[in-house]
Each structure stands twice: as structure tokens, then as C-alpha cells.
Amino acid sequence: MKPKTAEISDRETRLLEGLRDHPELMERFEAILGLTQSGDGVLRTADEIEDLLVEEVRRLGNTTMHQWAKTAEQAAVTGLRDKHPKSRMVFIESNPSAGGWRGVDRETGA
């Protein structure tokens, strides 16, 4: 392990900024780091730690996918608005194949 220094590298700065932008991910990483420390007084076996780690990695994956989906959805909406400025998105419950959403032209209503 590298000795601690007072200076923060550019890489560490970018990581901290990213984690501040995504506090849900920071929470997951803190939980994973917590598994490396046994300060809670409970003596666990390697199998128990492995099970806890697998669960935390699953949670991290789930959180990551949710964050990605939000970003991808916003990028898609922005891209469609830029490409079709006269269109708007409306929720249609009777269109399950499109997840309920479809584009509507503002001028024609179609």
C-alpha cells in the first residue's frame, strides 16, 4: 500500500468530484471499504466477508445501472429535442411496447 501523502493527485480529485456528483455511488464504495476494516468488533470468516462483498458489488452494479439509465435517458431526450424541436413527449398508457412514451409533433398532434 502506498504511504499517505498530503497532496491529492489529479486522478484522486476527479474521483472525488465524480463521487460528489453521485452520492449513491459514494455510499456503495464506502460500504465496500468498510468490509476491509474489522473495527465493528465482529469476527467474520472469509466466506462471510465474501458474501457481504458480493452483495455490495451487486448493489454497486444496480446503482451504477440506475445512474447510467438516468444519464442516457436525459441525453436521448436532449438529442431528440435538438433534432425535432417541434416535438414533445407525452405519456400514453395504451402503448406498452414503447414503455408508454411516444413523440408527438406539436404542430400536427400526431
N, C-alpha and C. Protein backbone atom coordinates (compact mmCIF):
# COMPACT_ATOMS: atom_id res chain seq x y z
N MET A 1 0.83 -1.17 0.00
CA MET A 1 0.00 0.00 0.00
C MET A 1 0.89 1.24 0.00
N LYS A 2 0.46 2.24 -0.75
CA LYS A 2 1.19 3.48 -0.86
C LYS A 2 1.06 4.29 0.43
N PRO A 3 2.15 4.93 0.87
CA PRO A 3 2.02 5.76 2.06
C PRO A 3 1.13 6.97 1.79
N LYS A 4 0.42 7.44 2.82
CA LYS A 4 -0.47 8.60 2.67
C LYS A 4 0.37 9.86 2.49
N THR A 5 -0.09 10.71 1.58
CA THR A 5 0.56 11.99 1.38
C THR A 5 -0.47 13.08 1.54
N ALA A 6 0.01 14.29 1.78
CA ALA A 6 -0.90 15.42 1.95
C ALA A 6 -1.47 15.90 0.62
N GLU A 7 -0.76 15.64 -0.47
CA GLU A 7 -1.21 16.11 -1.78
C GLU A 7 -2.19 15.13 -2.41
N ILE A 8 -3.18 15.69 -3.08
CA ILE A 8 -4.17 14.87 -3.78
C ILE A 8 -3.86 14.96 -5.27
N SER A 9 -3.76 13.81 -5.90
CA SER A 9 -3.44 13.78 -7.32
C SER A 9 -4.64 14.19 -8.16
N ASP A 10 -4.40 14.48 -9.44
CA ASP A 10 -5.49 14.80 -10.35
C ASP A 10 -6.49 13.64 -10.44
N ARG A 11 -5.97 12.44 -10.44
CA ARG A 11 -6.83 11.25 -10.51
C ARG A 11 -7.75 11.18 -9.30
N GLU A 12 -7.19 11.43 -8.11
CA GLU A 12 -7.99 11.41 -6.89
C GLU A 12 -9.02 12.54 -6.89
N THR A 13 -8.63 13.69 -7.40
CA THR A 13 -9.55 14.83 -7.48
C THR A 13 -10.72 14.50 -8.38
N ARG A 14 -10.44 13.90 -9.55
CA ARG A 14 -11.53 13.53 -10.47
C ARG A 14 -12.45 12.50 -9.83
N LEU A 15 -11.87 11.53 -9.12
CA LEU A 15 -12.68 10.52 -8.43
C LEU A 15 -13.57 11.16 -7.38
N LEU A 16 -13.01 12.03 -6.57
CA LEU A 16 -13.80 12.70 -5.53
C LEU A 16 -14.92 13.55 -6.14
N GLU A 17 -14.62 14.27 -7.22
CA GLU A 17 -15.65 15.07 -7.87
C GLU A 17 -16.76 14.19 -8.42
N GLY A 18 -16.38 13.06 -9.01
CA GLY A 18 -17.39 12.14 -9.53
C GLY A 18 -18.25 11.55 -8.43
N LEU A 19 -17.63 11.21 -7.31
CA LEU A 19 -18.39 10.65 -6.19
C LEU A 19 -19.29 11.71 -5.55
N ARG A 20 -18.85 12.94 -5.53
CA ARG A 20 -19.71 14.02 -5.02
C ARG A 20 -20.91 14.23 -5.93
N ASP A 21 -20.71 14.05 -7.23
CA ASP A 21 -21.82 14.18 -8.18
C ASP A 21 -22.79 13.00 -8.08
N HIS A 22 -22.31 11.88 -7.56
CA HIS A 22 -23.12 10.66 -7.45
C HIS A 22 -23.02 10.10 -6.03
N PRO A 23 -23.69 10.72 -5.07
CA PRO A 23 -23.57 10.28 -3.67
C PRO A 23 -24.01 8.83 -3.45
N GLU A 24 -24.89 8.33 -4.30
CA GLU A 24 -25.31 6.93 -4.15
C GLU A 24 -24.13 5.99 -4.41
N LEU A 25 -23.28 6.34 -5.37
CA LEU A 25 -22.09 5.53 -5.63
C LEU A 25 -21.09 5.66 -4.48
N MET A 26 -20.97 6.86 -3.94
CA MET A 26 -20.06 7.04 -2.80
C MET A 26 -20.48 6.15 -1.64
N GLU A 27 -21.78 6.06 -1.41
CA GLU A 27 -22.28 5.20 -0.34
C GLU A 27 -21.89 3.74 -0.56
N ARG A 28 -22.00 3.27 -1.78
CA ARG A 28 -21.65 1.89 -2.10
C ARG A 28 -20.16 1.65 -1.89
N PHE A 29 -19.32 2.58 -2.37
CA PHE A 29 -17.87 2.42 -2.20
C PHE A 29 -17.48 2.47 -0.73
N GLU A 30 -18.15 3.31 0.05
CA GLU A 30 -17.86 3.36 1.49
C GLU A 30 -18.20 2.02 2.14
N ALA A 31 -19.29 1.41 1.72
CA ALA A 31 -19.67 0.11 2.28
C ALA A 31 -18.63 -0.95 1.92
N ILE A 32 -18.14 -0.91 0.69
CA ILE A 32 -17.12 -1.88 0.27
C ILE A 32 -15.84 -1.65 1.07
N LEU A 33 -15.42 -0.39 1.21
CA LEU A 33 -14.23 -0.10 2.00
C LEU A 33 -14.41 -0.54 3.45
N GLY A 34 -15.63 -0.38 3.96
CA GLY A 34 -15.91 -0.79 5.34
C GLY A 34 -15.69 -2.27 5.56
N LEU A 35 -15.85 -3.07 4.53
CA LEU A 35 -15.63 -4.51 4.66
C LEU A 35 -14.16 -4.84 4.87
N THR A 36 -13.28 -3.94 4.45
CA THR A 36 -11.84 -4.21 4.61
C THR A 36 -11.38 -3.96 6.04
N GLN A 37 -12.22 -3.30 6.82
CA GLN A 37 -11.87 -2.97 8.21
C GLN A 37 -12.71 -3.82 9.14
N SER A 38 -12.14 -4.26 10.21
CA SER A 38 -12.89 -5.07 11.16
C SER A 38 -13.06 -4.32 12.47
N GLY A 39 -13.34 -3.04 12.38
CA GLY A 39 -13.47 -2.20 13.56
C GLY A 39 -14.78 -2.33 14.29
N ASP A 40 -15.72 -3.12 13.74
CA ASP A 40 -17.03 -3.25 14.41
C ASP A 40 -17.01 -4.28 15.54
N GLY A 41 -15.88 -4.93 15.75
CA GLY A 41 -15.76 -5.89 16.85
C GLY A 41 -16.26 -7.28 16.53
N VAL A 42 -16.85 -7.47 15.35
CA VAL A 42 -17.38 -8.77 14.97
C VAL A 42 -16.32 -9.50 14.16
N LEU A 43 -15.97 -10.70 14.62
CA LEU A 43 -15.01 -11.52 13.90
C LEU A 43 -15.76 -12.33 12.85
N ARG A 44 -15.41 -12.12 11.59
CA ARG A 44 -16.10 -12.80 10.49
C ARG A 44 -15.12 -13.71 9.76
N THR A 45 -15.68 -14.75 9.14
CA THR A 45 -14.87 -15.64 8.33
C THR A 45 -14.70 -15.04 6.94
N ALA A 46 -13.75 -15.58 6.21
CA ALA A 46 -13.53 -15.13 4.84
C ALA A 46 -14.78 -15.36 3.99
N ASP A 47 -15.49 -16.46 4.21
CA ASP A 47 -16.72 -16.74 3.47
C ASP A 47 -17.79 -15.68 3.76
N GLU A 48 -17.91 -15.27 5.01
CA GLU A 48 -18.89 -14.23 5.35
C GLU A 48 -18.54 -12.91 4.68
N ILE A 49 -17.27 -12.54 4.72
CA ILE A 49 -16.84 -11.30 4.08
C ILE A 49 -17.07 -11.40 2.57
N GLU A 50 -16.78 -12.55 1.98
CA GLU A 50 -17.01 -12.72 0.55
C GLU A 50 -18.49 -12.54 0.21
N ASP A 51 -19.37 -13.13 1.00
CA ASP A 51 -20.82 -12.99 0.77
C ASP A 51 -21.25 -11.52 0.87
N LEU A 52 -20.74 -10.83 1.88
CA LEU A 52 -21.06 -9.41 2.04
C LEU A 52 -20.53 -8.59 0.87
N LEU A 53 -19.32 -8.93 0.43
CA LEU A 53 -18.72 -8.21 -0.70
C LEU A 53 -19.51 -8.44 -1.98
N VAL A 54 -19.92 -9.67 -2.23
CA VAL A 54 -20.72 -9.97 -3.42
C VAL A 54 -22.01 -9.16 -3.40
N GLU A 55 -22.66 -9.09 -2.25
CA GLU A 55 -23.90 -8.32 -2.13
C GLU A 55 -23.64 -6.83 -2.38
N GLU A 56 -22.56 -6.30 -1.84
CA GLU A 56 -22.24 -4.89 -2.06
C GLU A 56 -21.90 -4.62 -3.53
N VAL A 57 -21.21 -5.54 -4.18
CA VAL A 57 -20.91 -5.36 -5.60
C VAL A 57 -22.19 -5.40 -6.42
N ARG A 58 -23.13 -6.24 -6.04
CA ARG A 58 -24.45 -6.26 -6.71
C ARG A 58 -25.14 -4.91 -6.54
N ARG A 59 -25.12 -4.39 -5.34
CA ARG A 59 -25.73 -3.08 -5.08
C ARG A 59 -25.02 -1.99 -5.88
N LEU A 60 -23.70 -2.08 -5.94
CA LEU A 60 -22.93 -1.11 -6.73
C LEU A 60 -23.33 -1.19 -8.19
N GLY A 61 -23.46 -2.40 -8.72
CA GLY A 61 -23.88 -2.58 -10.11
C GLY A 61 -25.27 -2.03 -10.35
N ASN A 62 -26.18 -2.28 -9.44
CA ASN A 62 -27.55 -1.78 -9.56
C ASN A 62 -27.56 -0.26 -9.54
N THR A 63 -26.84 0.33 -8.60
CA THR A 63 -26.76 1.79 -8.50
C THR A 63 -26.14 2.38 -9.76
N THR A 64 -25.08 1.75 -10.24
CA THR A 64 -24.41 2.22 -11.46
C THR A 64 -25.35 2.18 -12.65
N MET A 65 -26.10 1.10 -12.79
CA MET A 65 -27.04 1.00 -13.91
C MET A 65 -28.14 2.06 -13.82
N HIS A 66 -28.62 2.33 -12.62
CA HIS A 66 -29.64 3.37 -12.46
C HIS A 66 -29.07 4.75 -12.83
N GLN A 67 -27.85 5.02 -12.39
CA GLN A 67 -27.22 6.29 -12.72
C GLN A 67 -27.00 6.40 -14.23
N TRP A 68 -26.54 5.33 -14.83
CA TRP A 68 -26.33 5.32 -16.29
C TRP A 68 -27.65 5.54 -17.02
N ALA A 69 -28.71 4.87 -16.58
CA ALA A 69 -30.01 4.99 -17.24
C ALA A 69 -30.53 6.42 -17.18
N LYS A 70 -30.38 7.08 -16.03
CA LYS A 70 -30.81 8.47 -15.92
C LYS A 70 -30.06 9.35 -16.90
N THR A 71 -28.75 9.17 -16.96
CA THR A 71 -27.92 9.97 -17.86
C THR A 71 -28.26 9.67 -19.32
N ALA A 72 -28.42 8.40 -19.66
CA ALA A 72 -28.74 8.02 -21.04
C ALA A 72 -30.11 8.55 -21.44
N GLU A 73 -31.08 8.47 -20.54
CA GLU A 73 -32.42 8.97 -20.85
C GLU A 73 -32.38 10.47 -21.11
N GLN A 74 -31.67 11.19 -20.24
CA GLN A 74 -31.59 12.64 -20.41
C GLN A 74 -30.88 12.99 -21.72
N ALA A 75 -29.82 12.26 -22.07
CA ALA A 75 -29.11 12.51 -23.32
C ALA A 75 -30.01 12.23 -24.52
N ALA A 76 -30.80 11.16 -24.44
CA ALA A 76 -31.72 10.82 -25.53
C ALA A 76 -32.78 11.89 -25.70
N VAL A 77 -33.34 12.35 -24.59
CA VAL A 77 -34.37 13.39 -24.65
C VAL A 77 -33.78 14.67 -25.23
N THR A 78 -32.61 15.05 -24.77
CA THR A 78 -31.96 16.26 -25.27
C THR A 78 -31.67 16.13 -26.76
N GLY A 79 -31.16 14.97 -27.17
CA GLY A 79 -30.87 14.75 -28.58
C GLY A 79 -32.11 14.81 -29.45
N LEU A 80 -33.20 14.22 -28.98
CA LEU A 80 -34.45 14.26 -29.73
C LEU A 80 -35.02 15.67 -29.80
N ARG A 81 -34.91 16.40 -28.69
CA ARG A 81 -35.41 17.78 -28.70
C ARG A 81 -34.60 18.65 -29.67
N ASP A 82 -33.29 18.41 -29.71
CA ASP A 82 -32.45 19.17 -30.65
C ASP A 82 -32.77 18.81 -32.08
N LYS A 83 -33.01 17.53 -32.33
CA LYS A 83 -33.28 17.05 -33.69
C LYS A 83 -34.69 17.39 -34.15
N HIS A 84 -35.64 17.37 -33.23
CA HIS A 84 -37.05 17.62 -33.55
C HIS A 84 -37.61 18.65 -32.57
N PRO A 85 -37.25 19.93 -32.72
CA PRO A 85 -37.65 20.93 -31.73
C PRO A 85 -39.15 21.16 -31.64
N LYS A 86 -39.92 20.77 -32.65
CA LYS A 86 -41.37 20.99 -32.60
C LYS A 86 -42.10 19.81 -31.97
N SER A 87 -41.35 18.79 -31.56
CA SER A 87 -41.97 17.61 -30.95
C SER A 87 -41.95 17.72 -29.44
N ARG A 88 -42.84 16.96 -28.80
CA ARG A 88 -42.84 16.88 -27.35
C ARG A 88 -43.13 15.43 -26.98
N MET A 89 -42.76 15.05 -25.77
CA MET A 89 -43.00 13.70 -25.30
C MET A 89 -44.24 13.70 -24.41
N VAL A 90 -45.12 12.73 -24.64
CA VAL A 90 -46.30 12.57 -23.80
C VAL A 90 -46.38 11.12 -23.37
N PHE A 91 -46.98 10.89 -22.22
CA PHE A 91 -47.13 9.54 -21.71
C PHE A 91 -48.46 8.98 -22.19
N ILE A 92 -48.40 7.84 -22.87
CA ILE A 92 -49.58 7.16 -23.38
C ILE A 92 -49.62 5.78 -22.73
N GLU A 93 -50.60 5.54 -21.87
CA GLU A 93 -50.67 4.27 -21.16
C GLU A 93 -50.99 3.10 -22.08
N SER A 94 -51.60 3.34 -23.22
CA SER A 94 -52.00 2.25 -24.09
C SER A 94 -50.90 1.84 -25.07
N ASN A 95 -49.67 2.31 -24.86
CA ASN A 95 -48.57 1.97 -25.76
C ASN A 95 -47.47 1.23 -24.98
N PRO A 96 -47.74 -0.01 -24.52
CA PRO A 96 -46.77 -0.72 -23.68
C PRO A 96 -45.47 -1.07 -24.41
N SER A 97 -45.50 -1.23 -25.72
CA SER A 97 -44.27 -1.60 -26.42
C SER A 97 -43.26 -0.47 -26.41
N ALA A 98 -43.69 0.76 -26.24
CA ALA A 98 -42.78 1.91 -26.18
C ALA A 98 -42.59 2.37 -24.74
N GLY A 99 -42.97 1.55 -23.79
CA GLY A 99 -42.84 1.93 -22.40
C GLY A 99 -43.80 3.03 -22.02
N GLY A 100 -44.81 3.26 -22.84
CA GLY A 100 -45.80 4.28 -22.53
C GLY A 100 -45.47 5.65 -23.10
N TRP A 101 -44.27 5.84 -23.61
CA TRP A 101 -43.87 7.15 -24.12
C TRP A 101 -43.84 7.13 -25.64
N ARG A 102 -44.26 8.23 -26.23
CA ARG A 102 -44.10 8.39 -27.67
C ARG A 102 -43.97 9.86 -27.99
N GLY A 103 -43.33 10.14 -29.09
CA GLY A 103 -43.17 11.53 -29.52
C GLY A 103 -44.42 12.03 -30.21
N VAL A 104 -44.73 13.30 -30.03
CA VAL A 104 -45.87 13.92 -30.65
C VAL A 104 -45.40 15.21 -31.30
N ASP A 105 -45.75 15.38 -32.57
CA ASP A 105 -45.40 16.62 -33.26
C ASP A 105 -46.30 17.73 -32.73
N ARG A 106 -45.73 18.82 -32.33
CA ARG A 106 -46.51 19.90 -31.72
C ARG A 106 -47.46 20.56 -32.72
N GLU A 107 -47.08 20.57 -33.98
CA GLU A 107 -47.95 21.21 -34.98
C GLU A 107 -49.11 20.34 -35.40
N THR A 108 -48.84 19.06 -35.66
CA THR A 108 -49.90 18.18 -36.16
C THR A 108 -50.60 17.40 -35.06
N GLY A 109 -49.94 17.24 -33.89
CA GLY A 109 -50.52 16.46 -32.81
C GLY A 109 -50.37 14.97 -33.03
N ALA A 110 -49.70 14.55 -34.09
CA ALA A 110 -49.52 13.12 -34.38
C ALA A 110 -48.18 12.63 -33.93
